[in-house]
N, C-alpha and C. Protein backbone atom coordinates (compact mmCIF):
# COMPACT_ATOMS: atom_id res chain seq x y z
N UNK A 1 11.97 -11.32 14.39
CA UNK A 1 13.39 -11.59 14.28
C UNK A 1 14.12 -11.31 15.60
N UNK A 2 13.70 -10.27 16.32
CA UNK A 2 14.39 -9.89 17.54
C UNK A 2 13.70 -10.42 18.79
N UNK A 3 12.40 -10.58 18.74
CA UNK A 3 11.66 -10.91 19.95
C UNK A 3 11.22 -12.35 20.04
N UNK A 4 11.68 -13.18 19.15
CA UNK A 4 11.25 -14.56 19.14
C UNK A 4 10.26 -14.80 18.01
N UNK A 5 10.08 -16.05 17.65
CA UNK A 5 9.23 -16.39 16.52
C UNK A 5 7.76 -16.16 16.84
N UNK A 6 7.12 -15.39 16.00
CA UNK A 6 5.68 -15.15 16.13
C UNK A 6 4.92 -15.75 14.96
N UNK A 7 5.56 -15.78 13.79
CA UNK A 7 4.93 -16.26 12.57
C UNK A 7 5.92 -17.13 11.81
N UNK A 8 5.39 -18.11 11.08
CA UNK A 8 6.29 -18.93 10.26
C UNK A 8 6.85 -18.13 9.09
N UNK A 9 5.98 -17.54 8.25
CA UNK A 9 6.55 -16.71 7.18
C UNK A 9 6.79 -15.28 7.69
N UNK A 10 7.78 -14.66 7.15
CA UNK A 10 8.04 -13.25 7.43
C UNK A 10 7.89 -12.51 6.12
N UNK A 11 6.92 -11.60 6.07
CA UNK A 11 6.68 -10.85 4.84
C UNK A 11 7.63 -9.68 4.74
N UNK A 12 8.21 -9.56 3.59
CA UNK A 12 9.00 -8.39 3.26
C UNK A 12 8.10 -7.51 2.40
N UNK A 13 8.04 -6.24 2.72
CA UNK A 13 7.13 -5.34 2.02
C UNK A 13 7.83 -4.61 0.88
N UNK A 14 7.13 -4.49 -0.21
CA UNK A 14 7.56 -3.65 -1.32
C UNK A 14 7.33 -2.21 -0.88
N UNK A 15 8.35 -1.38 -0.97
CA UNK A 15 8.26 0.01 -0.54
C UNK A 15 7.98 0.90 -1.74
N UNK A 16 6.93 1.74 -1.63
CA UNK A 16 6.56 2.60 -2.74
C UNK A 16 6.44 4.05 -2.27
N UNK A 17 7.13 4.95 -2.98
CA UNK A 17 7.03 6.37 -2.64
C UNK A 17 5.79 6.98 -3.28
N UNK A 18 5.48 8.20 -2.86
CA UNK A 18 4.29 8.90 -3.33
C UNK A 18 4.45 9.37 -4.77
N UNK A 19 3.46 9.02 -5.57
CA UNK A 19 3.38 9.43 -6.98
C UNK A 19 1.91 9.72 -7.27
N UNK A 20 1.57 9.95 -8.50
CA UNK A 20 0.16 10.13 -8.84
C UNK A 20 -0.58 8.82 -8.55
N UNK A 21 -1.87 8.90 -8.27
CA UNK A 21 -2.64 7.67 -8.01
C UNK A 21 -2.51 6.64 -9.14
N UNK A 22 -2.55 7.11 -10.38
CA UNK A 22 -2.46 6.19 -11.52
C UNK A 22 -1.08 5.53 -11.60
N UNK A 23 -0.02 6.30 -11.37
CA UNK A 23 1.34 5.74 -11.40
C UNK A 23 1.52 4.71 -10.29
N UNK A 24 0.98 4.99 -9.12
CA UNK A 24 1.11 4.06 -8.00
C UNK A 24 0.36 2.76 -8.28
N UNK A 25 -0.83 2.87 -8.85
CA UNK A 25 -1.61 1.67 -9.18
C UNK A 25 -0.88 0.82 -10.21
N UNK A 26 -0.32 1.47 -11.22
CA UNK A 26 0.40 0.72 -12.27
C UNK A 26 1.65 0.05 -11.70
N UNK A 27 2.38 0.75 -10.84
CA UNK A 27 3.58 0.16 -10.24
C UNK A 27 3.23 -1.02 -9.34
N UNK A 28 2.17 -0.88 -8.55
CA UNK A 28 1.76 -1.98 -7.67
C UNK A 28 1.33 -3.19 -8.48
N UNK A 29 0.58 -2.96 -9.54
CA UNK A 29 0.13 -4.07 -10.39
C UNK A 29 1.32 -4.80 -11.00
N UNK A 30 2.31 -4.05 -11.51
CA UNK A 30 3.53 -4.67 -12.07
C UNK A 30 4.27 -5.47 -11.00
N UNK A 31 4.39 -4.91 -9.80
CA UNK A 31 5.12 -5.59 -8.73
C UNK A 31 4.47 -6.92 -8.37
N UNK A 32 3.15 -6.95 -8.38
CA UNK A 32 2.43 -8.20 -8.06
C UNK A 32 2.53 -9.18 -9.21
N UNK A 33 2.23 -8.73 -10.43
CA UNK A 33 2.16 -9.64 -11.57
C UNK A 33 3.53 -10.11 -12.05
N UNK A 34 4.51 -9.22 -12.08
CA UNK A 34 5.81 -9.57 -12.64
C UNK A 34 6.81 -10.09 -11.62
N UNK A 35 6.66 -9.67 -10.37
CA UNK A 35 7.67 -10.03 -9.36
C UNK A 35 7.10 -10.80 -8.18
N UNK A 36 5.78 -10.94 -8.12
CA UNK A 36 5.15 -11.76 -7.08
C UNK A 36 5.04 -11.12 -5.70
N UNK A 37 5.16 -9.81 -5.60
CA UNK A 37 5.03 -9.15 -4.30
C UNK A 37 3.63 -9.34 -3.74
N UNK A 38 3.55 -9.59 -2.41
CA UNK A 38 2.26 -9.84 -1.75
C UNK A 38 2.00 -8.87 -0.60
N UNK A 39 2.94 -7.98 -0.31
CA UNK A 39 2.78 -7.01 0.78
C UNK A 39 3.47 -5.71 0.39
N UNK A 40 2.85 -4.59 0.76
CA UNK A 40 3.35 -3.27 0.38
C UNK A 40 3.38 -2.32 1.57
N UNK A 41 4.36 -1.44 1.55
CA UNK A 41 4.39 -0.25 2.41
C UNK A 41 4.34 0.92 1.45
N UNK A 42 3.26 1.69 1.52
CA UNK A 42 3.01 2.74 0.54
C UNK A 42 2.98 4.09 1.24
N UNK A 43 3.79 5.00 0.77
CA UNK A 43 3.85 6.35 1.32
C UNK A 43 2.67 7.18 0.84
N UNK A 44 2.05 7.87 1.78
CA UNK A 44 0.97 8.82 1.49
C UNK A 44 1.31 10.12 2.21
N UNK A 45 0.33 10.99 2.33
CA UNK A 45 0.52 12.17 3.16
C UNK A 45 0.59 13.48 2.41
N UNK A 46 0.09 13.53 1.17
CA UNK A 46 0.09 14.81 0.46
C UNK A 46 -1.18 15.59 0.76
N UNK A 47 -2.32 15.00 0.46
CA UNK A 47 -3.61 15.58 0.85
C UNK A 47 -4.62 14.45 0.92
N UNK A 48 -5.61 14.56 1.79
CA UNK A 48 -6.53 13.44 2.02
C UNK A 48 -7.27 12.96 0.77
N UNK A 49 -7.75 13.86 -0.05
CA UNK A 49 -8.53 13.45 -1.24
C UNK A 49 -7.66 12.63 -2.20
N UNK A 50 -6.45 13.13 -2.49
CA UNK A 50 -5.56 12.40 -3.40
C UNK A 50 -5.10 11.10 -2.76
N UNK A 51 -4.82 11.12 -1.47
CA UNK A 51 -4.41 9.89 -0.79
C UNK A 51 -5.51 8.83 -0.85
N UNK A 52 -6.75 9.23 -0.67
CA UNK A 52 -7.86 8.28 -0.77
C UNK A 52 -7.94 7.69 -2.17
N UNK A 53 -7.73 8.50 -3.18
CA UNK A 53 -7.73 8.01 -4.57
C UNK A 53 -6.57 7.03 -4.78
N UNK A 54 -5.41 7.32 -4.19
CA UNK A 54 -4.27 6.40 -4.30
C UNK A 54 -4.62 5.04 -3.71
N UNK A 55 -5.18 5.05 -2.51
CA UNK A 55 -5.53 3.80 -1.83
C UNK A 55 -6.54 3.02 -2.67
N UNK A 56 -7.55 3.69 -3.16
CA UNK A 56 -8.58 3.02 -3.97
C UNK A 56 -7.99 2.40 -5.23
N UNK A 57 -7.20 3.17 -5.98
CA UNK A 57 -6.66 2.67 -7.25
C UNK A 57 -5.65 1.54 -7.03
N UNK A 58 -4.84 1.65 -6.00
CA UNK A 58 -3.88 0.57 -5.73
C UNK A 58 -4.63 -0.70 -5.34
N UNK A 59 -5.62 -0.59 -4.47
CA UNK A 59 -6.39 -1.78 -4.09
C UNK A 59 -7.07 -2.39 -5.30
N UNK A 60 -7.67 -1.57 -6.15
CA UNK A 60 -8.31 -2.08 -7.36
C UNK A 60 -7.30 -2.78 -8.27
N UNK A 61 -6.09 -2.26 -8.32
CA UNK A 61 -5.05 -2.82 -9.20
C UNK A 61 -4.52 -4.17 -8.73
N UNK A 62 -4.41 -4.36 -7.41
CA UNK A 62 -3.77 -5.58 -6.91
C UNK A 62 -4.75 -6.62 -6.37
N UNK A 63 -6.00 -6.24 -6.17
CA UNK A 63 -6.98 -7.19 -5.65
C UNK A 63 -6.95 -7.26 -4.13
N UNK A 64 -7.80 -8.13 -3.61
CA UNK A 64 -8.02 -8.20 -2.16
C UNK A 64 -7.02 -9.08 -1.41
N UNK A 65 -6.23 -9.89 -2.11
CA UNK A 65 -5.34 -10.84 -1.44
C UNK A 65 -3.94 -10.30 -1.19
N UNK A 66 -3.73 -9.03 -1.45
CA UNK A 66 -2.42 -8.41 -1.25
C UNK A 66 -2.50 -7.49 -0.05
N UNK A 67 -1.50 -7.57 0.83
CA UNK A 67 -1.46 -6.73 2.04
C UNK A 67 -0.99 -5.33 1.67
N UNK A 68 -1.80 -4.33 2.05
CA UNK A 68 -1.45 -2.94 1.79
C UNK A 68 -1.36 -2.19 3.10
N UNK A 69 -0.16 -1.71 3.42
CA UNK A 69 0.05 -0.87 4.59
C UNK A 69 0.40 0.53 4.10
N UNK A 70 -0.07 1.55 4.82
CA UNK A 70 0.11 2.93 4.37
C UNK A 70 0.82 3.75 5.43
N UNK A 71 1.87 4.44 5.01
CA UNK A 71 2.64 5.32 5.88
C UNK A 71 2.22 6.76 5.59
N UNK A 72 1.56 7.39 6.56
CA UNK A 72 1.02 8.74 6.38
C UNK A 72 2.09 9.80 6.67
N UNK A 73 3.19 9.40 7.30
CA UNK A 73 4.30 10.32 7.62
C UNK A 73 3.86 11.50 8.49
N UNK A 74 2.89 11.28 9.37
CA UNK A 74 2.45 12.33 10.28
C UNK A 74 1.82 13.53 9.60
N UNK A 75 1.22 13.33 8.44
CA UNK A 75 0.76 14.46 7.62
C UNK A 75 -0.61 15.00 8.02
N UNK A 76 -1.40 14.25 8.76
CA UNK A 76 -2.77 14.67 9.05
C UNK A 76 -2.92 15.09 10.51
N UNK A 77 -3.70 16.13 10.74
CA UNK A 77 -4.12 16.43 12.10
C UNK A 77 -5.10 15.37 12.57
N UNK A 78 -5.42 15.38 13.86
CA UNK A 78 -6.25 14.32 14.43
C UNK A 78 -7.60 14.17 13.74
N UNK A 79 -8.35 15.24 13.60
CA UNK A 79 -9.69 15.10 13.01
C UNK A 79 -9.63 14.69 11.54
N UNK A 80 -8.66 15.24 10.81
CA UNK A 80 -8.48 14.84 9.40
C UNK A 80 -8.09 13.38 9.31
N UNK A 81 -7.22 12.94 10.20
CA UNK A 81 -6.79 11.54 10.19
C UNK A 81 -7.98 10.62 10.43
N UNK A 82 -8.78 10.92 11.42
CA UNK A 82 -9.93 10.05 11.72
C UNK A 82 -10.88 9.99 10.53
N UNK A 83 -11.24 11.14 9.98
CA UNK A 83 -12.18 11.16 8.83
C UNK A 83 -11.60 10.40 7.63
N UNK A 84 -10.35 10.69 7.30
CA UNK A 84 -9.74 10.12 6.10
C UNK A 84 -9.49 8.63 6.26
N UNK A 85 -8.96 8.21 7.39
CA UNK A 85 -8.68 6.79 7.59
C UNK A 85 -9.95 5.96 7.65
N UNK A 86 -11.04 6.53 8.16
CA UNK A 86 -12.32 5.81 8.13
C UNK A 86 -12.76 5.55 6.68
N UNK A 87 -12.53 6.53 5.81
CA UNK A 87 -12.87 6.34 4.40
C UNK A 87 -11.96 5.30 3.76
N UNK A 88 -10.69 5.30 4.13
CA UNK A 88 -9.73 4.34 3.57
C UNK A 88 -9.98 2.92 4.07
N UNK A 89 -10.63 2.78 5.21
CA UNK A 89 -10.84 1.46 5.82
C UNK A 89 -11.57 0.49 4.90
N UNK A 90 -12.43 1.01 4.02
CA UNK A 90 -13.19 0.12 3.13
C UNK A 90 -12.27 -0.64 2.17
N UNK A 91 -11.02 -0.18 2.02
CA UNK A 91 -10.05 -0.85 1.13
C UNK A 91 -9.16 -1.83 1.89
N UNK A 92 -9.52 -2.10 3.12
CA UNK A 92 -8.90 -3.12 3.96
C UNK A 92 -7.38 -3.01 4.07
N UNK A 93 -6.89 -1.87 4.54
CA UNK A 93 -5.45 -1.76 4.77
C UNK A 93 -5.02 -2.64 5.94
N UNK A 94 -3.79 -3.13 5.89
CA UNK A 94 -3.28 -3.93 7.00
C UNK A 94 -2.97 -3.05 8.20
N UNK A 95 -2.56 -1.79 7.93
CA UNK A 95 -2.21 -0.87 9.01
C UNK A 95 -1.98 0.53 8.44
N UNK A 96 -1.97 1.50 9.35
CA UNK A 96 -1.55 2.86 9.04
C UNK A 96 -0.35 3.17 9.93
N UNK A 97 0.68 3.70 9.31
CA UNK A 97 1.89 4.05 10.05
C UNK A 97 1.95 5.57 10.24
N UNK A 98 2.24 5.97 11.48
CA UNK A 98 2.44 7.38 11.80
C UNK A 98 1.39 8.30 11.17
N UNK A 99 0.11 8.14 11.55
CA UNK A 99 -0.94 8.93 10.91
C UNK A 99 -0.97 10.40 11.31
N UNK A 100 -0.45 10.75 12.49
CA UNK A 100 -0.50 12.13 12.96
C UNK A 100 0.90 12.65 13.27
N UNK A 101 1.08 13.98 13.24
CA UNK A 101 2.39 14.55 13.51
C UNK A 101 2.77 14.42 14.99
N UNK A 102 4.01 14.66 15.25
CA UNK A 102 4.51 14.66 16.63
C UNK A 102 5.41 13.48 16.90
N UNK A 103 6.47 13.75 17.61
CA UNK A 103 7.41 12.70 18.00
C UNK A 103 7.57 12.76 19.51
N UNK A 104 7.38 11.62 20.15
CA UNK A 104 7.60 11.53 21.57
C UNK A 104 9.11 11.52 21.79
N UNK A 105 9.68 12.14 22.78
CA UNK A 105 9.06 12.80 23.93
C UNK A 105 8.77 14.29 23.71
N UNK A 106 9.18 14.84 22.56
CA UNK A 106 8.96 16.26 22.31
C UNK A 106 7.49 16.63 22.29
N UNK A 107 6.66 15.71 21.83
CA UNK A 107 5.22 15.94 21.74
C UNK A 107 4.50 14.75 22.36
N UNK A 108 4.37 14.72 23.69
CA UNK A 108 3.75 13.56 24.33
C UNK A 108 2.29 13.34 23.93
N UNK A 109 1.60 14.39 23.48
CA UNK A 109 0.21 14.25 23.06
C UNK A 109 0.02 13.41 21.82
N UNK A 110 1.09 13.19 21.05
CA UNK A 110 0.96 12.39 19.84
C UNK A 110 0.52 10.96 20.17
N UNK A 111 0.91 10.45 21.33
CA UNK A 111 0.50 9.09 21.72
C UNK A 111 -1.00 9.03 22.00
N UNK A 112 -1.53 10.07 22.64
CA UNK A 112 -2.98 10.12 22.86
C UNK A 112 -3.73 10.21 21.54
N UNK A 113 -3.19 10.99 20.60
CA UNK A 113 -3.82 11.10 19.28
C UNK A 113 -3.82 9.76 18.56
N UNK A 114 -2.70 9.05 18.62
CA UNK A 114 -2.64 7.73 17.97
C UNK A 114 -3.64 6.77 18.62
N UNK A 115 -3.76 6.83 19.95
CA UNK A 115 -4.72 5.96 20.65
C UNK A 115 -6.15 6.30 20.22
N UNK A 116 -6.45 7.59 20.09
CA UNK A 116 -7.79 8.00 19.64
C UNK A 116 -8.07 7.47 18.23
N UNK A 117 -7.11 7.61 17.33
CA UNK A 117 -7.29 7.12 15.96
C UNK A 117 -7.49 5.61 15.95
N UNK A 118 -6.66 4.91 16.69
CA UNK A 118 -6.76 3.45 16.76
C UNK A 118 -8.15 3.03 17.22
N UNK A 119 -8.66 3.69 18.23
CA UNK A 119 -9.97 3.37 18.78
C UNK A 119 -11.09 3.74 17.81
N UNK A 120 -10.99 4.89 17.18
CA UNK A 120 -12.04 5.40 16.29
C UNK A 120 -12.10 4.68 14.95
N UNK A 121 -10.94 4.36 14.39
CA UNK A 121 -10.88 3.84 13.03
C UNK A 121 -10.94 2.32 12.99
N UNK A 122 -10.33 1.66 13.96
CA UNK A 122 -10.37 0.20 14.00
C UNK A 122 -9.38 -0.49 13.08
N UNK A 123 -8.43 0.26 12.53
CA UNK A 123 -7.37 -0.33 11.70
C UNK A 123 -6.08 -0.28 12.53
N UNK A 124 -5.26 -1.32 12.50
CA UNK A 124 -4.03 -1.29 13.28
C UNK A 124 -3.15 -0.07 12.96
N UNK A 125 -2.52 0.43 14.01
CA UNK A 125 -1.60 1.56 13.91
C UNK A 125 -0.19 1.05 14.16
N UNK A 126 0.73 1.47 13.30
CA UNK A 126 2.14 1.13 13.47
C UNK A 126 2.88 2.40 13.88
N UNK A 127 3.66 2.29 14.94
CA UNK A 127 4.45 3.41 15.42
C UNK A 127 5.92 3.19 15.06
N UNK A 128 6.69 4.26 15.06
CA UNK A 128 8.14 4.20 14.85
C UNK A 128 8.84 4.30 16.19
N UNK A 129 9.99 3.65 16.30
CA UNK A 129 10.81 3.86 17.49
C UNK A 129 11.52 5.20 17.33
N UNK A 130 11.59 5.96 18.41
CA UNK A 130 12.17 7.29 18.36
C UNK A 130 13.19 7.46 19.48
N UNK A 131 14.39 7.82 19.12
CA UNK A 131 15.38 8.27 20.08
C UNK A 131 15.86 7.24 21.07
N UNK A 132 16.67 7.69 21.99
CA UNK A 132 17.35 6.80 22.93
C UNK A 132 16.46 6.28 24.05
N UNK A 133 15.26 6.81 24.22
CA UNK A 133 14.35 6.35 25.27
C UNK A 133 13.30 5.40 24.72
N UNK A 134 13.71 4.53 23.85
CA UNK A 134 12.78 3.65 23.15
C UNK A 134 11.99 2.76 24.11
N UNK A 135 12.65 2.27 25.14
CA UNK A 135 11.97 1.39 26.09
C UNK A 135 10.82 2.12 26.78
N UNK A 136 11.04 3.35 27.20
CA UNK A 136 9.99 4.15 27.82
C UNK A 136 8.87 4.45 26.82
N UNK A 137 9.25 4.77 25.59
CA UNK A 137 8.27 5.04 24.53
C UNK A 137 7.36 3.84 24.31
N UNK A 138 7.94 2.66 24.23
CA UNK A 138 7.15 1.45 24.00
C UNK A 138 6.26 1.16 25.21
N UNK A 139 6.77 1.39 26.41
CA UNK A 139 5.95 1.21 27.60
C UNK A 139 4.71 2.11 27.53
N UNK A 140 4.89 3.36 27.11
CA UNK A 140 3.76 4.28 26.98
C UNK A 140 2.82 3.88 25.84
N UNK A 141 3.37 3.40 24.72
CA UNK A 141 2.52 2.91 23.63
C UNK A 141 1.59 1.82 24.12
N UNK A 142 2.14 0.89 24.90
CA UNK A 142 1.34 -0.22 25.42
C UNK A 142 0.34 0.29 26.45
N UNK A 143 0.79 1.13 27.36
CA UNK A 143 -0.08 1.66 28.41
C UNK A 143 -1.25 2.44 27.83
N UNK A 144 -1.00 3.24 26.83
CA UNK A 144 -2.04 4.06 26.23
C UNK A 144 -2.80 3.34 25.12
N UNK A 145 -2.35 2.13 24.78
CA UNK A 145 -2.95 1.37 23.67
C UNK A 145 -2.95 2.19 22.39
N UNK A 146 -1.80 2.80 22.13
CA UNK A 146 -1.67 3.74 21.02
C UNK A 146 -1.22 3.09 19.71
N UNK A 147 -0.75 1.86 19.75
CA UNK A 147 -0.26 1.21 18.53
C UNK A 147 -0.41 -0.29 18.64
N UNK A 148 -0.48 -0.92 17.48
CA UNK A 148 -0.57 -2.38 17.41
C UNK A 148 0.76 -3.01 17.04
N UNK A 149 1.63 -2.21 16.43
CA UNK A 149 2.92 -2.71 15.98
C UNK A 149 3.95 -1.59 16.11
N UNK A 150 5.20 -1.98 16.16
CA UNK A 150 6.29 -1.03 16.29
C UNK A 150 7.31 -1.28 15.19
N UNK A 151 7.63 -0.23 14.48
CA UNK A 151 8.67 -0.28 13.45
C UNK A 151 9.98 0.06 14.15
N UNK A 152 10.76 -0.95 14.44
CA UNK A 152 12.01 -0.76 15.17
C UNK A 152 13.18 -0.52 14.24
N UNK A 153 13.98 0.45 14.57
CA UNK A 153 15.22 0.72 13.87
C UNK A 153 16.34 0.59 14.89
N UNK A 154 17.20 -0.38 14.69
CA UNK A 154 18.24 -0.68 15.67
C UNK A 154 19.09 0.54 16.00
N UNK A 155 19.44 1.33 14.98
CA UNK A 155 20.30 2.49 15.24
C UNK A 155 19.57 3.59 16.01
N UNK A 156 18.25 3.75 15.79
CA UNK A 156 17.49 4.76 16.54
C UNK A 156 17.21 4.30 17.96
N UNK A 157 17.02 3.01 18.14
CA UNK A 157 16.60 2.47 19.43
C UNK A 157 17.75 2.31 20.42
N UNK A 158 18.97 2.41 19.98
CA UNK A 158 20.09 2.30 20.92
C UNK A 158 20.87 1.01 20.84
N UNK A 159 20.74 0.29 19.75
CA UNK A 159 21.54 -0.92 19.56
C UNK A 159 20.75 -2.20 19.74
N UNK A 160 21.42 -3.31 19.47
CA UNK A 160 20.79 -4.63 19.47
C UNK A 160 20.26 -5.00 20.85
N UNK A 161 21.03 -4.77 21.92
CA UNK A 161 20.57 -5.15 23.25
C UNK A 161 19.33 -4.35 23.66
N UNK A 162 19.31 -3.08 23.33
CA UNK A 162 18.13 -2.27 23.65
C UNK A 162 16.92 -2.74 22.86
N UNK A 163 17.10 -3.12 21.61
CA UNK A 163 15.99 -3.64 20.80
C UNK A 163 15.47 -4.94 21.43
N UNK A 164 16.33 -5.79 21.92
CA UNK A 164 15.89 -7.02 22.57
C UNK A 164 15.08 -6.70 23.83
N UNK A 165 15.48 -5.68 24.58
CA UNK A 165 14.71 -5.27 25.76
C UNK A 165 13.33 -4.75 25.33
N UNK A 166 13.30 -3.96 24.28
CA UNK A 166 12.04 -3.42 23.77
C UNK A 166 11.12 -4.56 23.33
N UNK A 167 11.67 -5.53 22.64
CA UNK A 167 10.86 -6.66 22.17
C UNK A 167 10.29 -7.46 23.33
N UNK A 168 10.96 -7.49 24.45
CA UNK A 168 10.45 -8.20 25.62
C UNK A 168 9.18 -7.54 26.15
N UNK A 169 9.03 -6.23 25.93
CA UNK A 169 7.82 -5.52 26.35
C UNK A 169 6.66 -5.96 25.48
């Protein structure tokens, strides 16, 4: 929308908060069958074992033709993230958002951790735009190969013109 046309269709994701694995599977199934949703953003990040069960049950409930993206909310340390996301990979997630804690520029090492996860796991990583130095943040994401996509928030990034500059990167 901001950086020029990349795809003909634009998917809007169904947003789902964290619940029990069974509740999440039932909600996802209803959303697909009754409302036709084909893409999801699903919150995780309570504990790896329960999160893995959530991913498995939701995938089983909606089938293989539905896009499932998972937002970890920075809940896992690096080694836990790598181990857990590798296990989740068999359920073919479209991406993992914010798998490890830390916000740049306060924690510059978070970008290295995201790059390590991206390289180790092989599933796309989505980063969030943070603070008024969004352009520098995105430059570092690209330089370090730390993310495949960026979740831009116009108000966090510094307005429409700044978002357009970021999209040019």
